[in-house]
Amino acid sequence: MKLIALNLGDRPSWQRDACPAWCTATHRENDHPDDRVHHSDGITVITVGRRRHLVGDKLVTTSEEVDLEIGIARDDGHQTTWLYIGSGPASSVEVELSAADELVAAILSLANRWPDHR
C-alpha cells in the first residue's frame, strides 16, 4: 500500500478549511478546539456605553467609556460567518454576517428619524 502525503503547507493537521481571504489568525497545531476559528482583524470603536443591572430591587444605570470591537469570524469546518460586536465574551453579540446590511440599515433608520438625537 502506497501512502499519499497531502501538502497542507503550514496548515495544522486539524484545519479543515483554507483560510478565507479576511482571516488574520495564526493557526497552530496545538490550538485548543475552541480556538480553531478563522477571524479578521477587529475594528475598535471607542464610545460611551450604558449598563443597567439590578441591585436588590432597584434598577441601577451606569455609563462608562467602552472599546467596542467589530470583526468577523467563522469556526473552522463550518459555513456560517459571524459578525462580532462587543467588548469581550461577557459583553458581546454575534449575528450572522448575512444580516449586517439589514442591521446597518436599521441603525441608520433609527438615527435618521430623530435628527436632534445628538
C-alpha atoms as a PDB file:
ATOM      1  CA  MET A   1       0.000   0.000   0.000  1.00  0.00           C
ATOM      2  CA  LYS A   2       1.331   3.374  -1.000  1.00  0.00           C
ATOM      3  CA  LEU A   3       0.649   6.350   1.283  1.00  0.00           C
ATOM      4  CA  ILE A   4      -0.020   9.715  -0.296  1.00  0.00           C
ATOM      5  CA  ALA A   5       1.119  12.711   1.682  1.00  0.00           C
ATOM      6  CA  LEU A   6      -1.059  15.793   1.474  1.00  0.00           C
ATOM      7  CA  ASN A   7       0.797  19.065   1.166  1.00  0.00           C
ATOM      8  CA  LEU A   8      -1.026  21.313   3.587  1.00  0.00           C
ATOM      9  CA  GLY A   9       1.789  23.847   3.689  1.00  0.00           C
ATOM     10  CA  ASP A  10       1.830  25.493   7.105  1.00  0.00           C
ATOM     11  CA  ARG A  11      -1.729  24.395   7.919  1.00  0.00           C
ATOM     12  CA  PRO A  12      -2.163  22.387  11.114  1.00  0.00           C
ATOM     13  CA  SER A  13      -3.471  18.863  10.667  1.00  0.00           C
ATOM     14  CA  TRP A  14      -6.826  19.743  12.319  1.00  0.00           C
ATOM     15  CA  GLN A  15      -7.597  22.583   9.906  1.00  0.00           C
ATOM     16  CA  ARG A  16     -10.346  21.503   7.502  1.00  0.00           C
ATOM     17  CA  ASP A  17     -10.815  24.734   5.553  1.00  0.00           C
ATOM     18  CA  ALA A  18      -8.323  27.010   3.880  1.00  0.00           C
ATOM     19  CA  CYS A  19      -8.289  30.418   5.492  1.00  0.00           C
ATOM     20  CA  PRO A  20     -10.721  32.910   3.948  1.00  0.00           C
ATOM     21  CA  ALA A  21      -9.074  35.991   2.425  1.00  0.00           C
ATOM     22  CA  TRP A  22     -10.006  38.047   5.512  1.00  0.00           C
ATOM     23  CA  CYS A  23      -8.541  35.606   8.075  1.00  0.00           C
ATOM     24  CA  THR A  24      -5.632  37.083  10.022  1.00  0.00           C
ATOM     25  CA  ALA A  25      -5.393  34.276  12.589  1.00  0.00           C
ATOM     26  CA  THR A  26      -2.198  32.323  13.106  1.00  0.00           C
ATOM     27  CA  HIS A  27      -3.339  28.714  13.359  1.00  0.00           C
ATOM     28  CA  ARG A  28      -1.102  26.301  15.262  1.00  0.00           C
ATOM     29  CA  GLU A  29      -1.112  22.553  15.667  1.00  0.00           C
ATOM     30  CA  ASN A  30      -1.726  22.813  19.413  1.00  0.00           C
ATOM     31  CA  ASP A  31      -4.654  25.291  19.209  1.00  0.00           C
ATOM     32  CA  HIS A  32      -7.405  24.412  21.651  1.00  0.00           C
ATOM     33  CA  PRO A  33     -10.510  23.133  19.806  1.00  0.00           C
ATOM     34  CA  ASP A  34     -12.452  26.223  20.949  1.00  0.00           C
ATOM     35  CA  ASP A  35      -9.818  28.446  19.311  1.00  0.00           C
ATOM     36  CA  ARG A  36      -9.911  26.821  15.869  1.00  0.00           C
ATOM     37  CA  VAL A  37     -11.522  29.861  14.312  1.00  0.00           C
ATOM     38  CA  HIS A  38     -10.852  31.978  11.243  1.00  0.00           C
ATOM     39  CA  HIS A  39     -11.113  35.636  12.270  1.00  0.00           C
ATOM     40  CA  SER A  40     -10.477  39.069  10.838  1.00  0.00           C
ATOM     41  CA  ASP A  41      -8.639  41.916  12.426  1.00  0.00           C
ATOM     42  CA  GLY A  42     -11.074  43.856  14.557  1.00  0.00           C
ATOM     43  CA  ILE A  43     -12.079  47.477  14.196  1.00  0.00           C
ATOM     44  CA  THR A  44     -12.307  49.312  17.513  1.00  0.00           C
ATOM     45  CA  VAL A  45     -14.934  51.963  18.176  1.00  0.00           C
ATOM     46  CA  ILE A  46     -14.443  53.930  21.381  1.00  0.00           C
ATOM     47  CA  THR A  47     -17.754  55.177  22.729  1.00  0.00           C
ATOM     48  CA  VAL A  48     -19.801  55.517  25.891  1.00  0.00           C
ATOM     49  CA  GLY A  49     -21.848  52.512  26.878  1.00  0.00           C
ATOM     50  CA  ARG A  50     -24.725  52.272  29.308  1.00  0.00           C
ATOM     51  CA  ARG A  51     -25.197  49.267  31.567  1.00  0.00           C
ATOM     52  CA  ARG A  52     -28.292  48.508  33.594  1.00  0.00           C
ATOM     53  CA  HIS A  53     -28.445  45.974  36.384  1.00  0.00           C
ATOM     54  CA  LEU A  54     -30.418  45.219  39.497  1.00  0.00           C
ATOM     55  CA  VAL A  55     -29.070  45.979  42.925  1.00  0.00           C
ATOM     56  CA  GLY A  56     -31.539  44.359  45.272  1.00  0.00           C
ATOM     57  CA  ASP A  57     -34.866  45.511  43.862  1.00  0.00           C
ATOM     58  CA  LYS A  58     -33.530  48.740  42.347  1.00  0.00           C
ATOM     59  CA  LEU A  59     -32.504  49.216  38.704  1.00  0.00           C
ATOM     60  CA  VAL A  60     -29.112  50.929  38.574  1.00  0.00           C
ATOM     61  CA  THR A  61     -27.754  52.576  35.430  1.00  0.00           C
ATOM     62  CA  THR A  62     -24.078  53.337  34.879  1.00  0.00           C
ATOM     63  CA  SER A  63     -22.287  54.866  31.898  1.00  0.00           C
ATOM     64  CA  GLU A  64     -18.669  54.283  31.050  1.00  0.00           C
ATOM     65  CA  GLU A  65     -16.251  54.512  28.164  1.00  0.00           C
ATOM     66  CA  VAL A  66     -16.155  51.233  26.281  1.00  0.00           C
ATOM     67  CA  ASP A  67     -13.955  49.934  23.485  1.00  0.00           C
ATOM     68  CA  LEU A  68     -16.265  48.023  21.167  1.00  0.00           C
ATOM     69  CA  GLU A  69     -14.603  45.641  18.766  1.00  0.00           C
ATOM     70  CA  ILE A  70     -16.249  44.744  15.483  1.00  0.00           C
ATOM     71  CA  GLY A  71     -14.947  41.806  13.464  1.00  0.00           C
ATOM     72  CA  ILE A  72     -15.906  38.659  11.623  1.00  0.00           C
ATOM     73  CA  ALA A  73     -15.215  35.016  12.422  1.00  0.00           C
ATOM     74  CA  ARG A  74     -16.000  31.530  11.171  1.00  0.00           C
ATOM     75  CA  ASP A  75     -15.341  28.293  13.023  1.00  0.00           C
ATOM     76  CA  ASP A  76     -13.091  26.001  11.006  1.00  0.00           C
ATOM     77  CA  GLY A  77     -15.188  23.394   9.233  1.00  0.00           C
ATOM     78  CA  HIS A  78     -18.390  25.461   9.345  1.00  0.00           C
ATOM     79  CA  GLN A  79     -20.105  27.571   6.698  1.00  0.00           C
ATOM     80  CA  THR A  80     -21.605  30.415   8.738  1.00  0.00           C
ATOM     81  CA  THR A  81     -19.600  33.616   9.115  1.00  0.00           C
ATOM     82  CA  TRP A  82     -20.413  35.685  12.195  1.00  0.00           C
ATOM     83  CA  LEU A  83     -20.283  39.429  12.809  1.00  0.00           C
ATOM     84  CA  TYR A  84     -18.943  40.085  16.328  1.00  0.00           C
ATOM     85  CA  ILE A  85     -19.738  43.280  18.214  1.00  0.00           C
ATOM     86  CA  GLY A  86     -18.588  43.531  21.790  1.00  0.00           C
ATOM     87  CA  SER A  87     -16.078  44.249  24.481  1.00  0.00           C
ATOM     88  CA  GLY A  88     -15.223  40.701  25.493  1.00  0.00           C
ATOM     89  CA  PRO A  89     -17.030  37.385  25.783  1.00  0.00           C
ATOM     90  CA  ALA A  90     -19.269  38.515  28.652  1.00  0.00           C
ATOM     91  CA  SER A  91     -20.455  41.620  26.814  1.00  0.00           C
ATOM     92  CA  SER A  92     -20.879  40.786  23.154  1.00  0.00           C
ATOM     93  CA  VAL A  93     -23.231  39.597  20.468  1.00  0.00           C
ATOM     94  CA  GLU A  94     -22.565  37.641  17.297  1.00  0.00           C
ATOM     95  CA  VAL A  95     -25.018  37.615  14.410  1.00  0.00           C
ATOM     96  CA  GLU A  96     -24.805  36.013  11.002  1.00  0.00           C
ATOM     97  CA  LEU A  97     -22.758  38.228   8.702  1.00  0.00           C
ATOM     98  CA  SER A  98     -25.548  37.953   6.133  1.00  0.00           C
ATOM     99  CA  ALA A  99     -27.626  40.194   8.461  1.00  0.00           C
ATOM    100  CA  ALA A 100     -25.039  43.015   8.520  1.00  0.00           C
ATOM    101  CA  ASP A 101     -26.666  45.121   5.788  1.00  0.00           C
ATOM    102  CA  GLU A 102     -30.047  44.829   7.493  1.00  0.00           C
ATOM    103  CA  LEU A 103     -28.554  45.807  10.868  1.00  0.00           C
ATOM    104  CA  VAL A 104     -26.768  48.839   9.428  1.00  0.00           C
ATOM    105  CA  ALA A 105     -29.940  49.942   7.609  1.00  0.00           C
ATOM    106  CA  ALA A 106     -31.979  49.597  10.821  1.00  0.00           C
ATOM    107  CA  ILE A 107     -29.440  51.567  12.867  1.00  0.00           C
ATOM    108  CA  LEU A 108     -29.280  54.362  10.285  1.00  0.00           C
ATOM    109  CA  SER A 109     -33.057  54.414  10.008  1.00  0.00           C
ATOM    110  CA  LEU A 110     -33.433  54.904  13.747  1.00  0.00           C
ATOM    111  CA  ALA A 111     -30.674  57.513  13.889  1.00  0.00           C
ATOM    112  CA  ASN A 112     -32.169  59.487  10.986  1.00  0.00           C
ATOM    113  CA  ARG A 113     -35.710  59.550  12.427  1.00  0.00           C
ATOM    114  CA  TRP A 114     -34.662  61.975  15.111  1.00  0.00           C
ATOM    115  CA  PRO A 115     -32.010  64.322  13.708  1.00  0.00           C
ATOM    116  CA  ASP A 116     -31.712  66.153  17.052  1.00  0.00           C
ATOM    117  CA  HIS A 117     -30.588  62.979  18.865  1.00  0.00           C
ATOM    118  CA  ARG A 118     -27.012  64.160  19.192  1.00  0.00           C
END
